[in-house]
Amino acid sequence: GEATSAKFHLVDLAGSERAKRTGNVGVRLKESVSINTGLLALGNVISALGDEKRKATHIPYRESKLTRMLQDSLGGNSRTLMVACLSPSDANFEETLNTLKYANRARNIKNKAIVNRIEER
């Protein structure tokens, strides 16, 4: 017989707000810096994968735990969906614009997913 295998990742990438605006201090500030570092690394991977000129060059998956975990989803044999959550508020214009730019870069990644079949003995 034959079996089909798959992975499913659901990741919430919230936390890209500016530290100054949130007023976070101490542990919260350290946590938000870590989140932003992971998002920056993810942005670098997305840029490298989405740019046809850079496609043959090194993709920096090892820059963070987040990019390492999502390696298969980003540049592998997968079908990936990104949902960008935006705010209609004027006060959040900068974050909303950055989110849209981020999502637009991700949209340029083209994967060709094929079904993983495993022969059972």
Foldseek 3Di string as FASTA:
>chain_A
DKDFDDDDDDDDLPQCDDCVVVVDDDPRSVVSVLSNQLVVLVLQQLLQQLDPVNNPPDRPQVSDPVSVVCVCVQQHQHDDDDDQDADPDPVCVVVRVVSVVSVVSSVSHDHHHDIDMDDDD
